């Protein structure tokens, strides 16, 4: 091959590379918006899943991944379309989760923590898809339905953490508490209490009348007893929250932390009011739906409060060289200022 042919071949290869579609890079602000969309999408899928259960549409699509043995799409039946609509929302979550990984890869500068958390969303997505299939083929076994819901809440929590970390400046690496150790320990205890409350809530739901299908199996427990146990857990959670908020105000906690604590307290108080009302009113569908939506809000609020207990400062290596040099000169200067 002569020189002119080599040049022509090189130019063709260069043109081919230029013609390939290139995924644009993403700024930190753009990536933060992507993660916010992931939070909203996952909250929506929790609510849509509850709508399937509350309308008795859990077996509207008796097969998976097809709706029926003969068709991917739902037949002309209201319960089938409610369940199929939930699957379409889950498809949006799938695209969002995969898109978040791509966004983390194309973010500039790329950050390892954000990439790992984004991959975690995809792992959570796979687990939820598998659990969804298992729930369908188990004919809505109450234990599996409960696990499916709790995994969805954990999936949502991971997205909230990712969105929070996406807002941390790239040069900030040193995490420092902005409150005392007692407040941090109480906040950790609050998260444990929230997990207990959510778990007991699924037991109440799997014992009550809304099983997703009239023929769905239920837990053979006393609804009154499990509802009381769930309510007691809520009261313990509320008590810990009130103590922590009182300590934050008494010891002059940062305004931002106090504000997040107040938001979480308001969400918890509203959840308690809705929960007790639905219990006394015989579990009406509308109130149960509000209660499930409130659970998603409470998880988001609790995590936002917990993560507000720390601030992030630039690492020592991130100090500008001129500043570092000035500090070095000061440190080397004798106390008297002379030679």
Protein backbone atom coordinates (compact mmCIF):
# COMPACT_ATOMS: atom_id res chain seq x y z
CA UNK A 1 0.00 0.00 0.00
CA UNK A 2 1.49 3.32 -1.08
CA UNK A 3 1.45 6.52 0.91
CA UNK A 4 -1.70 7.93 -0.70
CA UNK A 5 -3.64 4.72 0.02
CA UNK A 6 -2.53 4.76 3.65
CA UNK A 7 -3.65 8.37 4.02
CA UNK A 8 -7.01 7.58 2.41
CA UNK A 9 -7.49 4.56 4.70
CA UNK A 10 -6.65 6.64 7.76
CA UNK A 11 -9.09 9.35 6.71
CA UNK A 12 -11.87 6.79 6.15
CA UNK A 13 -11.31 5.30 9.60
CA UNK A 14 -11.33 8.77 11.14
CA UNK A 15 -14.55 9.67 9.35
CA UNK A 16 -16.15 6.40 10.48
CA UNK A 17 -15.27 7.16 14.10
CA UNK A 18 -16.64 10.68 13.74
CA UNK A 19 -19.87 9.35 12.27
CA UNK A 20 -20.57 7.11 15.26
CA UNK A 21 -23.21 8.49 17.65
CA UNK A 22 -21.47 9.73 20.78
CA UNK A 23 -23.15 9.92 24.17
CA UNK A 24 -22.64 13.46 25.44
CA UNK A 25 -20.90 14.07 28.73
CA UNK A 26 -22.95 15.23 31.69
CA UNK A 27 -22.28 17.99 34.20
CA UNK A 28 -22.67 17.37 37.96
CA UNK A 29 -25.90 19.42 37.92
CA UNK A 30 -27.25 17.37 35.02
CA UNK A 31 -26.45 14.11 36.79
CA UNK A 32 -28.20 15.38 39.92
CA UNK A 33 -31.35 15.97 37.88
CA UNK A 34 -31.16 12.41 36.54
CA UNK A 35 -30.97 11.01 40.08
CA UNK A 36 -33.92 13.15 41.16
CA UNK A 37 -35.98 11.66 38.34
CA UNK A 38 -34.96 8.20 39.58
CA UNK A 39 -36.30 9.04 43.06
CA UNK A 40 -39.64 10.17 41.64
CA UNK A 41 -39.90 7.12 39.37
CA UNK A 42 -39.25 4.70 42.21
CA UNK A 43 -41.73 6.44 44.50
CA UNK A 44 -44.29 6.18 41.71
CA UNK A 45 -43.75 2.46 41.27
CA UNK A 46 -44.31 1.88 45.01
CA UNK A 47 -47.63 3.73 44.76
CA UNK A 48 -48.67 1.96 41.55
CA UNK A 49 -47.90 -1.40 43.13
CA UNK A 50 -50.19 -0.48 46.03
CA UNK A 51 -52.90 0.49 43.55
CA UNK A 52 -52.70 -2.99 42.03
CA UNK A 53 -53.18 -4.59 45.43
CA UNK A 54 -55.92 -2.25 46.61
CA UNK A 55 -58.03 -2.73 43.46
CA UNK A 56 -57.75 -6.52 43.61
CA UNK A 57 -55.76 -6.57 40.36
CA UNK A 58 -52.75 -8.55 41.56
CA UNK A 59 -53.59 -11.47 39.27
CA UNK A 60 -54.99 -9.35 36.45
CA UNK A 61 -51.97 -10.56 34.48
CA UNK A 62 -51.56 -14.19 35.59
CA UNK A 63 -48.33 -14.73 33.64
CA UNK A 64 -44.91 -13.10 33.56
CA UNK A 65 -43.33 -11.44 31.60
CA UNK A 66 -46.36 -11.82 29.28
CA UNK A 67 -49.67 -10.67 30.70
CA UNK A 68 -51.38 -13.88 29.58
CA UNK A 69 -50.17 -17.09 28.04
CA UNK A 70 -51.22 -15.79 24.62
CA UNK A 71 -50.31 -12.09 24.74
CA UNK A 72 -47.75 -9.64 26.10
CA UNK A 73 -50.36 -6.87 26.35
CA UNK A 74 -53.35 -6.98 28.66
CA UNK A 75 -56.79 -8.11 27.43
CA UNK A 76 -59.73 -5.72 27.61
CA UNK A 77 -60.34 -6.13 31.33
CA UNK A 78 -59.99 -3.46 34.01
CA UNK A 79 -57.93 -5.57 36.46
CA UNK A 80 -55.63 -6.74 33.69
CA UNK A 81 -54.97 -3.18 32.57
CA UNK A 82 -54.29 -1.97 36.12
CA UNK A 83 -51.68 -4.69 36.58
CA UNK A 84 -50.32 -4.13 33.06
CA UNK A 85 -50.11 -0.39 33.77
CA UNK A 86 -47.98 -1.15 36.81
CA UNK A 87 -45.68 -3.19 34.59
CA UNK A 88 -45.40 -0.29 32.15
CA UNK A 89 -44.38 1.99 35.04
CA UNK A 90 -41.80 -0.60 36.03
CA UNK A 91 -40.50 -0.43 32.46
CA UNK A 92 -39.96 3.30 32.97
CA UNK A 93 -38.05 2.48 36.17
CA UNK A 94 -35.93 0.03 34.18
CA UNK A 95 -35.00 2.68 31.62
CA UNK A 96 -34.35 5.19 34.43
CA UNK A 97 -32.06 2.82 36.35
CA UNK A 98 -30.04 1.89 33.28
CA UNK A 99 -29.94 5.54 32.25
CA UNK A 100 -28.56 6.49 35.66
CA UNK A 101 -25.65 4.10 35.19
CA UNK A 102 -24.92 5.59 31.75
CA UNK A 103 -25.21 9.10 33.24
CA UNK A 104 -22.75 8.22 36.02
CA UNK A 105 -20.32 6.87 33.41
CA UNK A 106 -20.61 10.00 31.28
CA UNK A 107 -20.52 12.44 34.20
CA UNK A 108 -17.50 14.73 34.26
CA UNK A 109 -15.65 14.39 36.47
CA UNK A 110 -16.54 10.76 36.95
CA UNK A 111 -16.93 9.69 40.58
CA UNK A 112 -16.52 6.16 41.90
CA UNK A 113 -19.14 6.47 44.67
CA UNK A 114 -21.82 7.64 42.25
CA UNK A 115 -21.01 4.89 39.78
CA UNK A 116 -21.24 2.20 42.48
CA UNK A 117 -24.58 3.52 43.76
CA UNK A 118 -25.92 3.72 40.19
CA UNK A 119 -24.94 0.10 39.57
CA UNK A 120 -26.70 -0.68 42.87
CA UNK A 121 -29.91 0.66 41.34
CA UNK A 122 -29.61 -1.84 38.49
CA UNK A 123 -28.95 -4.67 40.95
CA UNK A 124 -32.03 -3.62 42.91
CA UNK A 125 -34.00 -3.50 39.68
CA UNK A 126 -33.04 -7.09 38.81
CA UNK A 127 -33.97 -8.30 42.30
CA UNK A 128 -37.34 -6.53 42.11
CA UNK A 129 -38.09 -8.00 38.66
CA UNK A 130 -37.33 -11.51 39.90
CA UNK A 131 -39.43 -10.96 43.03
CA UNK A 132 -42.30 -9.66 40.91
CA UNK A 133 -42.30 -12.85 38.87
CA UNK A 134 -42.12 -14.99 42.01
CA UNK A 135 -45.07 -13.09 43.54
CA UNK A 136 -47.21 -13.66 40.43
CA UNK A 137 -46.46 -17.38 40.24
CA UNK A 138 -47.01 -17.81 44.00
CA UNK A 139 -50.53 -16.42 43.52
CA UNK A 140 -49.74 -13.45 45.80
CA UNK A 141 -48.38 -15.33 48.81
CA UNK A 142 -48.54 -12.71 51.60
CA UNK A 143 -44.98 -13.22 52.82
CA UNK A 144 -43.57 -12.72 49.33
CA UNK A 145 -45.78 -9.68 48.72
CA UNK A 146 -44.42 -8.17 51.94
CA UNK A 147 -40.83 -8.80 50.89
CA UNK A 148 -41.57 -7.34 47.46
CA UNK A 149 -42.86 -4.12 49.03
CA UNK A 150 -39.93 -3.81 51.46
CA UNK A 151 -37.43 -4.34 48.64
CA UNK A 152 -39.18 -1.56 46.74
CA UNK A 153 -38.74 0.76 49.72
CA UNK A 154 -35.06 -0.20 49.99
CA UNK A 155 -34.72 0.47 46.25
CA UNK A 156 -36.24 3.93 46.80
CA UNK A 157 -33.90 4.57 49.75
CA UNK A 158 -30.87 3.78 47.58
CA UNK A 159 -32.04 6.32 44.99
CA UNK A 160 -32.44 8.96 47.73
CA UNK A 161 -28.88 8.34 48.93
CA UNK A 162 -27.59 8.56 45.36
CA UNK A 163 -29.38 11.86 44.80
CA UNK A 164 -27.96 13.24 48.06
CA UNK A 165 -24.41 12.25 47.20
CA UNK A 166 -24.77 13.67 43.69
CA UNK A 167 -25.22 17.10 45.30
CA UNK A 168 -21.94 16.87 47.24
CA UNK A 169 -19.19 18.93 45.52
CA UNK A 170 -16.56 16.81 43.82
CA UNK A 171 -13.71 18.27 45.85
CA UNK A 172 -15.42 17.52 49.18
CA UNK A 173 -14.28 14.25 50.70
CA UNK A 174 -14.00 14.71 54.47
CA UNK A 175 -17.30 14.01 56.23
CA UNK A 176 -17.73 15.87 59.51
CA UNK A 177 -20.69 15.63 61.92
CA UNK A 178 -22.54 18.88 62.57
CA UNK A 179 -24.32 17.56 65.69
CA UNK A 180 -23.31 15.64 68.79
CA UNK A 181 -22.80 11.88 69.07
CA UNK A 182 -26.05 11.44 71.04
CA UNK A 183 -28.11 13.00 68.23
CA UNK A 184 -26.39 10.80 65.65
CA UNK A 185 -27.06 7.63 67.68
CA UNK A 186 -30.70 8.65 68.12
CA UNK A 187 -30.97 9.27 64.38
CA UNK A 188 -29.60 5.79 63.70
CA UNK A 189 -32.12 4.38 66.17
CA UNK A 190 -34.83 6.27 64.27
CA UNK A 191 -33.87 4.49 61.04
CA UNK A 192 -34.06 1.13 62.83
CA UNK A 193 -37.48 2.09 64.19
CA UNK A 194 -38.60 3.08 60.69
CA UNK A 195 -37.54 -0.32 59.34
CA UNK A 196 -39.50 -2.06 62.12
CA UNK A 197 -42.57 0.12 61.48
CA UNK A 198 -42.47 -0.59 57.72
CA UNK A 199 -42.04 -4.35 58.27
CA UNK A 200 -44.95 -4.50 60.73
CA UNK A 201 -47.01 -2.42 58.31
CA UNK A 202 -46.63 -5.12 55.66
CA UNK A 203 -47.79 -7.73 58.17
CA UNK A 204 -50.92 -5.67 58.85
CA UNK A 205 -51.59 -5.32 55.12
CA UNK A 206 -51.04 -9.03 54.51
CA UNK A 207 -53.48 -9.85 57.31
CA UNK A 208 -56.15 -7.33 56.27
CA UNK A 209 -58.69 -7.38 53.46
CA UNK A 210 -56.54 -5.93 50.65
CA UNK A 211 -54.57 -8.91 49.37
CA UNK A 212 -54.49 -8.02 45.69
CA UNK A 213 -57.07 -10.62 44.71
CA UNK A 214 -60.21 -12.02 46.40
CA UNK A 215 -58.63 -15.50 46.40
CA UNK A 216 -55.17 -14.40 47.57
CA UNK A 217 -53.97 -16.17 50.72
CA UNK A 218 -53.67 -14.10 53.90
CA UNK A 219 -51.76 -14.32 57.17
CA UNK A 220 -53.92 -16.13 59.73
CA UNK A 221 -53.29 -13.55 62.44
CA UNK A 222 -55.47 -11.25 64.49
CA UNK A 223 -55.77 -8.02 62.53
CA UNK A 224 -56.48 -6.18 65.76
CA UNK A 225 -53.32 -7.54 67.41
CA UNK A 226 -50.93 -6.86 64.52
CA UNK A 227 -52.43 -3.38 64.00
CA UNK A 228 -51.84 -2.59 67.68
CA UNK A 229 -48.26 -3.84 67.44
CA UNK A 230 -47.70 -1.68 64.36
CA UNK A 231 -49.22 1.32 66.13
CA UNK A 232 -47.00 0.78 69.17
CA UNK A 233 -43.92 0.74 66.92
CA UNK A 234 -45.07 4.04 65.38
CA UNK A 235 -45.43 5.55 68.86
CA UNK A 236 -41.90 4.45 69.78
CA UNK A 237 -40.60 5.94 66.52
CA UNK A 238 -42.46 9.17 67.25
CA UNK A 239 -41.06 9.32 70.78
CA UNK A 240 -37.46 8.92 69.61
CA UNK A 241 -38.02 11.59 66.96
CA UNK A 242 -39.42 14.06 69.50
CA UNK A 243 -36.50 13.50 71.88
CA UNK A 244 -33.96 14.01 69.11
CA UNK A 245 -35.68 17.16 67.86
CA UNK A 246 -35.79 18.55 71.40
CA UNK A 247 -32.06 17.89 71.83
CA UNK A 248 -31.29 19.53 68.49
CA UNK A 249 -33.19 22.69 69.44
CA UNK A 250 -31.84 22.74 73.00
CA UNK A 251 -28.21 22.44 71.89
CA UNK A 252 -28.51 24.86 68.98
CA UNK A 253 -28.41 22.40 66.10
CA UNK A 254 -27.91 23.83 62.60
CA UNK A 255 -31.05 25.37 61.14
CA UNK A 256 -30.96 23.03 58.13
CA UNK A 257 -30.85 19.94 60.34
CA UNK A 258 -33.68 21.19 62.54
CA UNK A 259 -35.76 21.93 59.44
CA UNK A 260 -35.23 18.41 58.06
CA UNK A 261 -36.19 16.97 61.47
CA UNK A 262 -39.38 19.04 61.48
CA UNK A 263 -40.32 17.84 58.00
CA UNK A 264 -39.78 14.23 59.06
CA UNK A 265 -41.82 14.78 62.24
CA UNK A 266 -44.68 16.24 60.19
CA UNK A 267 -44.60 13.27 57.77
CA UNK A 268 -44.58 10.82 60.67
CA UNK A 269 -47.43 12.59 62.49
CA UNK A 270 -49.56 12.57 59.33
CA UNK A 271 -48.82 8.89 58.80
CA UNK A 272 -49.93 8.15 62.36
CA UNK A 273 -53.18 10.10 61.89
CA UNK A 274 -53.96 8.34 58.60
CA UNK A 275 -53.07 4.94 60.04
CA UNK A 276 -55.28 5.26 63.10
CA UNK A 277 -58.12 6.69 61.01
CA UNK A 278 -58.04 3.82 58.51
CA UNK A 279 -57.95 1.31 61.37
CA UNK A 280 -60.97 2.85 63.10
CA UNK A 281 -62.82 3.23 59.77
CA UNK A 282 -62.35 -0.36 58.61
CA UNK A 283 -59.44 0.07 56.18
CA UNK A 284 -61.08 2.06 53.35
CA UNK A 285 -59.15 1.75 50.10
CA UNK A 286 -58.57 5.49 49.66
CA UNK A 287 -56.95 5.89 53.09
CA UNK A 288 -54.78 2.82 52.61
CA UNK A 289 -53.53 4.32 49.32
CA UNK A 290 -52.71 7.60 51.11
CA UNK A 291 -50.93 5.61 53.82
CA UNK A 292 -48.72 3.81 51.29
CA UNK A 293 -47.86 7.09 49.55
CA UNK A 294 -47.09 8.58 52.96
CA UNK A 295 -44.72 5.70 53.69
CA UNK A 296 -42.65 6.65 50.65
CA UNK A 297 -42.60 10.29 51.76
CA UNK A 298 -41.55 9.25 55.27
CA UNK A 299 -38.65 7.14 53.98
CA UNK A 300 -37.40 10.07 51.90
CA UNK A 301 -37.79 12.53 54.78
CA UNK A 302 -36.06 10.23 57.31
CA UNK A 303 -33.07 9.67 55.04
CA UNK A 304 -32.78 13.37 54.22
CA UNK A 305 -32.73 14.15 57.94
CA UNK A 306 -30.12 11.49 58.68
CA UNK A 307 -27.83 12.59 55.86
CA UNK A 308 -28.11 16.24 56.94
CA UNK A 309 -26.21 15.38 60.15
CA UNK A 310 -22.90 15.63 58.29
CA UNK A 311 -21.18 18.29 56.24
CA UNK A 312 -18.47 17.76 53.65
CA UNK A 313 -15.24 19.74 53.50
CA UNK A 314 -12.45 19.70 50.91
CA UNK A 315 -9.69 17.19 51.63
CA UNK A 316 -6.28 18.54 52.56
CA UNK A 317 -4.97 17.70 49.10
CA UNK A 318 -7.71 19.88 47.59
CA UNK A 319 -6.40 23.07 49.24
CA UNK A 320 -5.13 25.44 46.52
CA UNK A 321 -1.35 25.40 46.19
CA UNK A 322 -0.99 29.12 46.90
CA UNK A 323 -2.94 28.75 50.13
CA UNK A 324 -1.01 25.64 51.07
CA UNK A 325 2.26 27.49 50.44
CA UNK A 326 1.18 30.42 52.57
CA UNK A 327 0.25 28.07 55.39
CA UNK A 328 3.61 26.38 55.12
CA UNK A 329 5.41 29.76 55.38
CA UNK A 330 3.39 30.70 58.45
CA UNK A 331 4.08 27.34 60.06
CA UNK A 332 7.82 27.70 59.42
CA UNK A 333 8.04 31.26 60.76
CA UNK A 334 9.48 31.43 64.34
CA UNK A 335 7.10 32.63 67.04
CA UNK A 336 8.95 35.94 67.40
CA UNK A 337 8.70 36.66 63.70
CA UNK A 338 12.49 37.20 63.34
CA UNK A 339 15.39 35.09 62.17
